[in-house]
PDB file of N, CA and C in Angstrom:
ATOM      1  N   MET A   1     126.263  98.073 138.342  1.00  0.00           N
ATOM      2  CA  MET A   1     125.778  97.632 137.049  1.00  0.00           C
ATOM      3  C   MET A   1     124.400  98.284 136.834  1.00  0.00           C
ATOM      4  N   PRO A   2     124.237  98.992 135.705  1.00  0.00           N
ATOM      5  CA  PRO A   2     122.961  99.667 135.452  1.00  0.00           C
ATOM      6  C   PRO A   2     121.816  98.685 135.200  1.00  0.00           C
ATOM      7  N   ARG A   3     120.630  99.104 135.591  1.00  0.00           N
ATOM      8  CA  ARG A   3     119.410  98.330 135.362  1.00  0.00           C
ATOM      9  C   ARG A   3     118.630  99.004 134.243  1.00  0.00           C
ATOM     10  N   TYR A   4     118.123  98.190 133.335  1.00  0.00           N
ATOM     11  CA  TYR A   4     117.324  98.678 132.208  1.00  0.00           C
ATOM     12  C   TYR A   4     115.943  98.056 132.265  1.00  0.00           C
ATOM     13  N   THR A   5     114.956  98.812 131.857  1.00  0.00           N
ATOM     14  CA  THR A   5     113.604  98.293 131.679  1.00  0.00           C
ATOM     15  C   THR A   5     113.164  98.716 130.289  1.00  0.00           C
ATOM     16  N   LEU A   6     112.924  97.727 129.449  1.00  0.00           N
ATOM     17  CA  LEU A   6     112.523  97.986 128.063  1.00  0.00           C
ATOM     18  C   LEU A   6     111.140  97.404 127.806  1.00  0.00           C
ATOM     19  N   ASN A   7     110.471  97.978 126.829  1.00  0.00           N
ATOM     20  CA  ASN A   7     109.226  97.405 126.359  1.00  0.00           C
ATOM     21  C   ASN A   7     109.503  96.865 124.960  1.00  0.00           C
ATOM     22  N   LEU A   8     109.586  95.539 124.850  1.00  0.00           N
ATOM     23  CA  LEU A   8     109.847  94.876 123.570  1.00  0.00           C
ATOM     24  C   LEU A   8     108.648  94.018 123.198  1.00  0.00           C
ATOM     25  N   PHE A   9     108.087  94.283 122.053  1.00  0.00           N
ATOM     26  CA  PHE A   9     106.991  93.482 121.505  1.00  0.00           C
ATOM     27  C   PHE A   9     105.814  93.418 122.482  1.00  0.00           C
ATOM     28  N   GLY A  10     105.600  94.504 123.218  1.00  0.00           N
ATOM     29  CA  GLY A  10     104.509  94.545 124.177  1.00  0.00           C
ATOM     30  C   GLY A  10     104.820  93.878 125.505  1.00  0.00           C
ATOM     31  N   LEU A  11     106.061  93.445 125.687  1.00  0.00           N
ATOM     32  CA  LEU A  11     106.472  92.806 126.937  1.00  0.00           C
ATOM     33  C   LEU A  11     107.461  93.712 127.660  1.00  0.00           C
ATOM     34  N   GLU A  12     107.263  93.904 128.959  1.00  0.00           N
ATOM     35  CA  GLU A  12     108.210  94.693 129.734  1.00  0.00           C
ATOM     36  C   GLU A  12     109.314  93.779 130.246  1.00  0.00           C
ATOM     37  N   ILE A  13     110.556  94.145 129.934  1.00  0.00           N
ATOM     38  CA  ILE A  13     111.715  93.335 130.285  1.00  0.00           C
ATOM     39  C   ILE A  13     112.650  94.186 131.139  1.00  0.00           C
ATOM     40  N   SER A  14     113.049  93.684 132.308  1.00  0.00           N
ATOM     41  CA  SER A  14     114.010  94.367 133.164  1.00  0.00           C
ATOM     42  C   SER A  14     115.242  93.490 133.320  1.00  0.00           C
ATOM     43  N   PHE A  15     116.412  94.110 133.269  1.00  0.00           N
ATOM     44  CA  PHE A  15     117.660  93.364 133.402  1.00  0.00           C
ATOM     45  C   PHE A  15     118.788  94.303 133.783  1.00  0.00           C
ATOM     46  N   LYS A  16     119.884  93.721 134.241  1.00  0.00           N
ATOM     47  CA  LYS A  16     121.099  94.470 134.541  1.00  0.00           C
ATOM     48  C   LYS A  16     122.182  94.037 133.561  1.00  0.00           C
ATOM     49  N   THR A  17     123.021  95.001 133.156  1.00  0.00           N
ATOM     50  CA  THR A  17     124.114  94.690 132.247  1.00  0.00           C
ATOM     51  C   THR A  17     125.183  95.776 132.329  1.00  0.00           C
ATOM     52  N   ASP A  18     126.390  95.401 131.965  1.00  0.00           N
ATOM     53  CA  ASP A  18     127.479  96.377 131.875  1.00  0.00           C
ATOM     54  C   ASP A  18     127.481  97.098 130.535  1.00  0.00           C
ATOM     55  N   ALA A  19     126.637  96.650 129.607  1.00  0.00           N
ATOM     56  CA  ALA A  19     126.593  97.267 128.277  1.00  0.00           C
ATOM     57  C   ALA A  19     126.132  98.718 128.399  1.00  0.00           C
ATOM     58  N   GLU A  20     126.710  99.549 127.538  1.00  0.00           N
ATOM     59  CA  GLU A  20     126.347 100.965 127.552  1.00  0.00           C
ATOM     60  C   GLU A  20     124.973 101.169 126.925  1.00  0.00           C
ATOM     61  N   ASN A  21     124.358 102.283 127.289  1.00  0.00           N
ATOM     62  CA  ASN A  21     123.006 102.600 126.844  1.00  0.00           C
ATOM     63  C   ASN A  21     122.877 102.576 125.320  1.00  0.00           C
ATOM     64  N   ASP A  22     123.900 103.047 124.606  1.00  0.00           N
ATOM     65  CA  ASP A  22     123.849 103.055 123.139  1.00  0.00           C
ATOM     66  C   ASP A  22     123.693 101.644 122.581  1.00  0.00           C
ATOM     67  N   ARG A  23     124.396 100.681 123.172  1.00  0.00           N
ATOM     68  CA  ARG A  23     124.286  99.284 122.725  1.00  0.00           C
ATOM     69  C   ARG A  23     122.900  98.733 122.991  1.00  0.00           C
ATOM     70  N   ILE A  24     122.339  99.060 124.152  1.00  0.00           N
ATOM     71  CA  ILE A  24     121.002  98.586 124.499  1.00  0.00           C
ATOM     72  C   ILE A  24     119.979  99.154 123.527  1.00  0.00           C
ATOM     73  N   GLU A  25     120.075 100.442 123.265  1.00  0.00           N
ATOM     74  CA  GLU A  25     119.139 101.089 122.337  1.00  0.00           C
ATOM     75  C   GLU A  25     119.283 100.532 120.930  1.00  0.00           C
ATOM     76  N   ALA A  26     120.521 100.290 120.485  1.00  0.00           N
ATOM     77  CA  ALA A  26     120.744  99.733 119.145  1.00  0.00           C
ATOM     78  C   ALA A  26     120.168  98.320 119.055  1.00  0.00           C
ATOM     79  N   ALA A  27     120.363  97.525 120.102  1.00  0.00           N
ATOM     80  CA  ALA A  27     119.824  96.160 120.110  1.00  0.00           C
ATOM     81  C   ALA A  27     118.301  96.189 120.085  1.00  0.00           C
ATOM     82  N   GLN A  28     117.711  97.068 120.876  1.00  0.00           N
ATOM     83  CA  GLN A  28     116.252  97.174 120.899  1.00  0.00           C
ATOM     84  C   GLN A  28     115.717  97.587 119.532  1.00  0.00           C
ATOM     85  N   GLU A  29     116.355  98.571 118.926  1.00  0.00           N
ATOM     86  CA  GLU A  29     115.936  99.037 117.603  1.00  0.00           C
ATOM     87  C   GLU A  29     116.046  97.911 116.568  1.00  0.00           C
ATOM     88  N   TYR A  30     117.153  97.172 116.607  1.00  0.00           N
ATOM     89  CA  TYR A  30     117.363  96.065 115.668  1.00  0.00           C
ATOM     90  C   TYR A  30     116.284  95.000 115.843  1.00  0.00           C
ATOM     91  N   LEU A  31     115.998  94.623 117.096  1.00  0.00           N
ATOM     92  CA  LEU A  31     114.989  93.592 117.351  1.00  0.00           C
ATOM     93  C   LEU A  31     113.602  94.049 116.921  1.00  0.00           C
ATOM     94  N   GLU A  32     113.271  95.293 117.194  1.00  0.00           N
ATOM     95  CA  GLU A  32     111.959  95.806 116.787  1.00  0.00           C
ATOM     96  C   GLU A  32     111.827  95.834 115.266  1.00  0.00           C
ATOM     97  N   LYS A  33     112.920  96.186 114.581  1.00  0.00           N
ATOM     98  CA  LYS A  33     112.898  96.196 113.112  1.00  0.00           C
ATOM     99  C   LYS A  33     112.702  94.778 112.580  1.00  0.00           C
ATOM    100  N   LYS A  34     113.474  93.816 113.111  1.00  0.00           N
ATOM    101  CA  LYS A  34     113.348  92.419 112.689  1.00  0.00           C
ATOM    102  C   LYS A  34     111.933  91.901 112.940  1.00  0.00           C
ATOM    103  N   TYR A  35     111.418  92.208 114.122  1.00  0.00           N
ATOM    104  CA  TYR A  35     110.068  91.761 114.493  1.00  0.00           C
ATOM    105  C   TYR A  35     109.037  92.347 113.531  1.00  0.00           C
ATOM    106  N   GLY A  36     109.192  93.632 113.215  1.00  0.00           N
ATOM    107  CA  GLY A  36     108.272  94.277 112.277  1.00  0.00           C
ATOM    108  C   GLY A  36     108.319  93.639 110.898  1.00  0.00           C
ATOM    109  N   GLU A  37     109.533  93.339 110.417  1.00  0.00           N
ATOM    110  CA  GLU A  37     109.678  92.690 109.114  1.00  0.00           C
ATOM    111  C   GLU A  37     108.987  91.320 109.108  1.00  0.00           C
ATOM    112  N   LEU A  38     109.179  90.574 110.173  1.00  0.00           N
ATOM    113  CA  LEU A  38     108.595  89.231 110.240  1.00  0.00           C
ATOM    114  C   LEU A  38     107.076  89.259 110.381  1.00  0.00           C
ATOM    115  N   THR A  39     106.549  90.195 111.149  1.00  0.00           N
ATOM    116  CA  THR A  39     105.100  90.236 111.313  1.00  0.00           C
ATOM    117  C   THR A  39     104.416  90.620 110.006  1.00  0.00           C
ATOM    118  N   VAL A  40     105.052  91.476 109.226  1.00  0.00           N
ATOM    119  CA  VAL A  40     104.483  91.846 107.919  1.00  0.00           C
ATOM    120  C   VAL A  40     104.524  90.641 106.978  1.00  0.00           C
ATOM    121  N   ALA A  41     105.659  89.934 106.958  1.00  0.00           N
ATOM    122  CA  ALA A  41     105.817  88.798 106.046  1.00  0.00           C
ATOM    123  C   ALA A  41     105.063  87.561 106.517  1.00  0.00           C
ATOM    124  N   ALA A  42     104.884  87.410 107.826  1.00  0.00           N
ATOM    125  CA  ALA A  42     104.312  86.180 108.371  1.00  0.00           C
ATOM    126  C   ALA A  42     102.794  86.124 108.264  1.00  0.00           C
ATOM    127  N   GLY A  43     102.178  87.258 108.182  1.00  0.00           N
ATOM    128  CA  GLY A  43     100.725  87.239 108.116  1.00  0.00           C
ATOM    129  C   GLY A  43     100.114  87.042 109.491  1.00  0.00           C
ATOM    130  N   ASP A  44      99.158  86.127 109.583  1.00  0.00           N
ATOM    131  CA  ASP A  44      98.388  85.941 110.812  1.00  0.00           C
ATOM    132  C   ASP A  44      98.973  84.830 111.679  1.00  0.00           C
ATOM    133  N   LEU A  45     100.143  85.100 112.277  1.00  0.00           N
ATOM    134  CA  LEU A  45     100.771  84.132 113.175  1.00  0.00           C
ATOM    135  C   LEU A  45     100.746  84.668 114.597  1.00  0.00           C
ATOM    136  N   SER A  46     100.795  83.773 115.551  1.00  0.00           N
ATOM    137  CA  SER A  46     100.845  84.187 116.946  1.00  0.00           C
ATOM    138  C   SER A  46     102.175  84.870 117.250  1.00  0.00           C
ATOM    139  N   LYS A  47     102.188  85.664 118.310  1.00  0.00           N
ATOM    140  CA  LYS A  47     103.414  86.339 118.728  1.00  0.00           C
ATOM    141  C   LYS A  47     104.505  85.318 119.020  1.00  0.00           C
ATOM    142  N   GLU A  48     104.139  84.199 119.633  1.00  0.00           N
ATOM    143  CA  GLU A  48     105.115  83.161 119.966  1.00  0.00           C
ATOM    144  C   GLU A  48     105.786  82.599 118.718  1.00  0.00           C
ATOM    145  N   LYS A  49     105.006  82.351 117.681  1.00  0.00           N
ATOM    146  CA  LYS A  49     105.583  81.821 116.446  1.00  0.00           C
ATOM    147  C   LYS A  49     106.465  82.857 115.761  1.00  0.00           C
ATOM    148  N   VAL A  50     106.034  84.116 115.740  1.00  0.00           N
ATOM    149  CA  VAL A  50     106.847  85.171 115.127  1.00  0.00           C
ATOM    150  C   VAL A  50     108.164  85.301 115.887  1.00  0.00           C
ATOM    151  N   LEU A  51     108.108  85.277 117.225  1.00  0.00           N
ATOM    152  CA  LEU A  51     109.333  85.367 118.018  1.00  0.00           C
ATOM    153  C   LEU A  51     110.227  84.155 117.790  1.00  0.00           C
ATOM    154  N   THR A  52     109.640  82.979 117.598  1.00  0.00           N
ATOM    155  CA  THR A  52     110.424  81.780 117.312  1.00  0.00           C
ATOM    156  C   THR A  52     111.115  81.907 115.960  1.00  0.00           C
ATOM    157  N   PHE A  53     110.402  82.397 114.952  1.00  0.00           N
ATOM    158  CA  PHE A  53     111.025  82.627 113.650  1.00  0.00           C
ATOM    159  C   PHE A  53     112.138  83.662 113.763  1.00  0.00           C
ATOM    160  N   MET A  54     111.920  84.687 114.591  1.00  0.00           N
ATOM    161  CA  MET A  54     112.941  85.705 114.773  1.00  0.00           C
ATOM    162  C   MET A  54     114.181  85.096 115.419  1.00  0.00           C
ATOM    163  N   LEU A  55     114.000  84.247 116.407  1.00  0.00           N
ATOM    164  CA  LEU A  55     115.139  83.571 117.031  1.00  0.00           C
ATOM    165  C   LEU A  55     115.902  82.722 116.026  1.00  0.00           C
ATOM    166  N   LEU A  56     115.180  81.998 115.196  1.00  0.00           N
ATOM    167  CA  LEU A  56     115.835  81.185 114.169  1.00  0.00           C
ATOM    168  C   LEU A  56     116.608  82.059 113.186  1.00  0.00           C
ATOM    169  N   SER A  57     116.019  83.172 112.800  1.00  0.00           N
ATOM    170  CA  SER A  57     116.665  84.095 111.874  1.00  0.00           C
ATOM    171  C   SER A  57     117.934  84.684 112.498  1.00  0.00           C
ATOM    172  N   LEU A  58     117.848  85.100 113.757  1.00  0.00           N
ATOM    173  CA  LEU A  58     119.014  85.667 114.437  1.00  0.00           C
ATOM    174  C   LEU A  58     120.102  84.617 114.634  1.00  0.00           C
ATOM    175  N   ALA A  59     119.701  83.386 114.961  1.00  0.00           N
ATOM    176  CA  ALA A  59     120.689  82.311 115.121  1.00  0.00           C
ATOM    177  C   ALA A  59     121.388  82.030 113.798  1.00  0.00           C
ATOM    178  N   ASP A  60     120.634  82.020 112.706  1.00  0.00           N
ATOM    179  CA  ASP A  60     121.226  81.803 111.390  1.00  0.00           C
ATOM    180  C   ASP A  60     122.195  82.934 111.051  1.00  0.00           C
ATOM    181  N   ASP A  61     121.782  84.186 111.284  1.00  0.00           N
ATOM    182  CA  ASP A  61     122.666  85.333 111.038  1.00  0.00           C
ATOM    183  C   ASP A  61     123.957  85.187 111.835  1.00  0.00           C
ATOM    184  N   TYR A  62     123.833  84.810 113.098  1.00  0.00           N
ATOM    185  CA  TYR A  62     125.004  84.649 113.959  1.00  0.00           C
ATOM    186  C   TYR A  62     125.938  83.570 113.414  1.00  0.00           C
ATOM    187  N   LEU A  63     125.379  82.418 113.054  1.00  0.00           N
ATOM    188  CA  LEU A  63     126.204  81.311 112.565  1.00  0.00           C
ATOM    189  C   LEU A  63     126.892  81.662 111.253  1.00  0.00           C
ATOM    190  N   VAL A  64     126.195  82.331 110.356  1.00  0.00           N
ATOM    191  CA  VAL A  64     126.791  82.759 109.084  1.00  0.00           C
ATOM    192  C   VAL A  64     127.931  83.741 109.351  1.00  0.00           C
ATOM    193  N   ASN A  65     127.688  84.713 110.225  1.00  0.00           N
ATOM    194  CA  ASN A  65     128.727  85.709 110.521  1.00  0.00           C
ATOM    195  C   ASN A  65     129.913  85.103 111.250  1.00  0.00           C
ATOM    196  N   ARG A  66     129.665  84.130 112.123  1.00  0.00           N
ATOM    197  CA  ARG A  66     130.765  83.451 112.815  1.00  0.00           C
ATOM    198  C   ARG A  66     131.631  82.689 111.810  1.00  0.00           C
ATOM    199  N   SER A  67     130.995  82.064 110.826  1.00  0.00           N
ATOM    200  CA  SER A  67     131.726  81.344 109.792  1.00  0.00           C
ATOM    201  C   SER A  67     132.541  82.314 108.931  1.00  0.00           C
ATOM    202  N   ARG A  68     131.941  83.432 108.570  1.00  0.00           N
ATOM    203  CA  ARG A  68     132.654  84.441 107.775  1.00  0.00           C
ATOM    204  C   ARG A  68     133.851  84.993 108.548  1.00  0.00           C
ATOM    205  N   LEU A  69     133.666  85.219 109.849  1.00  0.00           N
ATOM    206  CA  LEU A  69     134.760  85.717 110.674  1.00  0.00           C
ATOM    207  C   LEU A  69     135.905  84.708 110.711  1.00  0.00           C
ATOM    208  N   ALA A  70     135.581  83.430 110.856  1.00  0.00           N
ATOM    209  CA  ALA A  70     136.621  82.391 110.873  1.00  0.00           C
ATOM    210  C   ALA A  70     137.369  82.369 109.544  1.00  0.00           C
ATOM    211  N   GLN A  71     136.645  82.512 108.426  1.00  0.00           N
ATOM    212  CA  GLN A  71     137.285  82.536 107.115  1.00  0.00           C
ATOM    213  C   GLN A  71     138.200  83.755 106.983  1.00  0.00           C
ATOM    214  N   LEU A  72     137.742  84.903 107.451  1.00  0.00           N
ATOM    215  CA  LEU A  72     138.564  86.117 107.385  1.00  0.00           C
ATOM    216  C   LEU A  72     139.807  85.987 108.255  1.00  0.00           C
ATOM    217  N   GLU A  73     139.645  85.420 109.450  1.00  0.00           N
ATOM    218  CA  GLU A  73     140.800  85.235 110.323  1.00  0.00           C
ATOM    219  C   GLU A  73     141.812  84.289 109.693  1.00  0.00           C
ATOM    220  N   GLU A  74     141.313  83.239 109.051  1.00  0.00           N
ATOM    221  CA  GLU A  74     142.204  82.290 108.369  1.00  0.00           C
ATOM    222  C   GLU A  74     142.933  82.993 107.228  1.00  0.00           C
ATOM    223  N   ARG A  75     142.208  83.784 106.471  1.00  0.00           N
ATOM    224  CA  ARG A  75     142.803  84.506 105.342  1.00  0.00           C
ATOM    225  C   ARG A  75     143.855  85.507 105.827  1.00  0.00           C
ATOM    226  N   ILE A  76     143.550  86.219 106.904  1.00  0.00           N
ATOM    227  CA  ILE A  76     144.518  87.165 107.461  1.00  0.00           C
ATOM    228  C   ILE A  76     145.767  86.430 107.927  1.00  0.00           C
ATOM    229  N   GLY A  77     145.588  85.273 108.549  1.00  0.00           N
ATOM    230  CA  GLY A  77     146.728  84.465 108.965  1.00  0.00           C
ATOM    231  C   GLY A  77     147.599  84.057 107.784  1.00  0.00           C
ATOM    232  N   GLU A  78     146.959  83.662 106.679  1.00  0.00           N
ATOM    233  CA  GLU A  78     147.698  83.284 105.467  1.00  0.00           C
ATOM    234  C   GLU A  78     148.487  84.474 104.915  1.00  0.00           C
ATOM    235  N   ILE A  79     147.855  85.634 104.897  1.00  0.00           N
ATOM    236  CA  ILE A  79     148.510  86.847 104.389  1.00  0.00           C
ATOM    237  C   ILE A  79     149.707  87.209 105.267  1.00  0.00           C
ATOM    238  N   LEU A  80     149.528  87.108 106.590  1.00  0.00           N
ATOM    239  CA  LEU A  80     150.611  87.433 107.504  1.00  0.00           C
ATOM    240  C   LEU A  80     151.777  86.453 107.341  1.00  0.00           C
ATOM    241  N   GLU A  81     151.475  85.179 107.107  1.00  0.00           N
ATOM    242  CA  GLU A  81     152.533  84.181 106.884  1.00  0.00           C
ATOM    243  C   GLU A  81     153.316  84.502 105.636  1.00  0.00           C
ATOM    244  N   LYS A  82     152.651  84.914 104.577  1.00  0.00           N
ATOM    245  CA  LYS A  82     153.333  85.251 103.324  1.00  0.00           C
ATOM    246  C   LYS A  82     154.172  86.518 103.474  1.00  0.00           C
ATOM    247  N   ALA A  83     153.729  87.430 104.348  1.00  0.00           N
ATOM    248  CA  ALA A  83     154.440  88.687 104.524  1.00  0.00           C
ATOM    249  C   ALA A  83     155.735  88.503 105.314  1.00  0.00           C
ATOM    250  N   GLU A  84     155.844  87.431 106.055  1.00  0.00           N
ATOM    251  CA  GLU A  84     157.051  87.215 106.879  1.00  0.00           C
ATOM    252  C   GLU A  84     158.220  86.762 106.083  1.00  0.00           C
TER     253      GLU A  84
END
């Protein structure tokens, strides 16, 4: 299992994962972009608060997308039933 060491938000993070390098780089880029957007919009907040807002934002995105996926799966099931 490959080991990665990243510098995120001024913090050095080391971990092992089976994920390919492209996924790690894409995740890092996405997090840095989100962090940048929040720091610009948040003004003078501590890093901890900005990271907490980022976690809340990512959790909300995840929950919304999980709900949309469930709706799409239900819709596909309905379409497949009608096609039979």
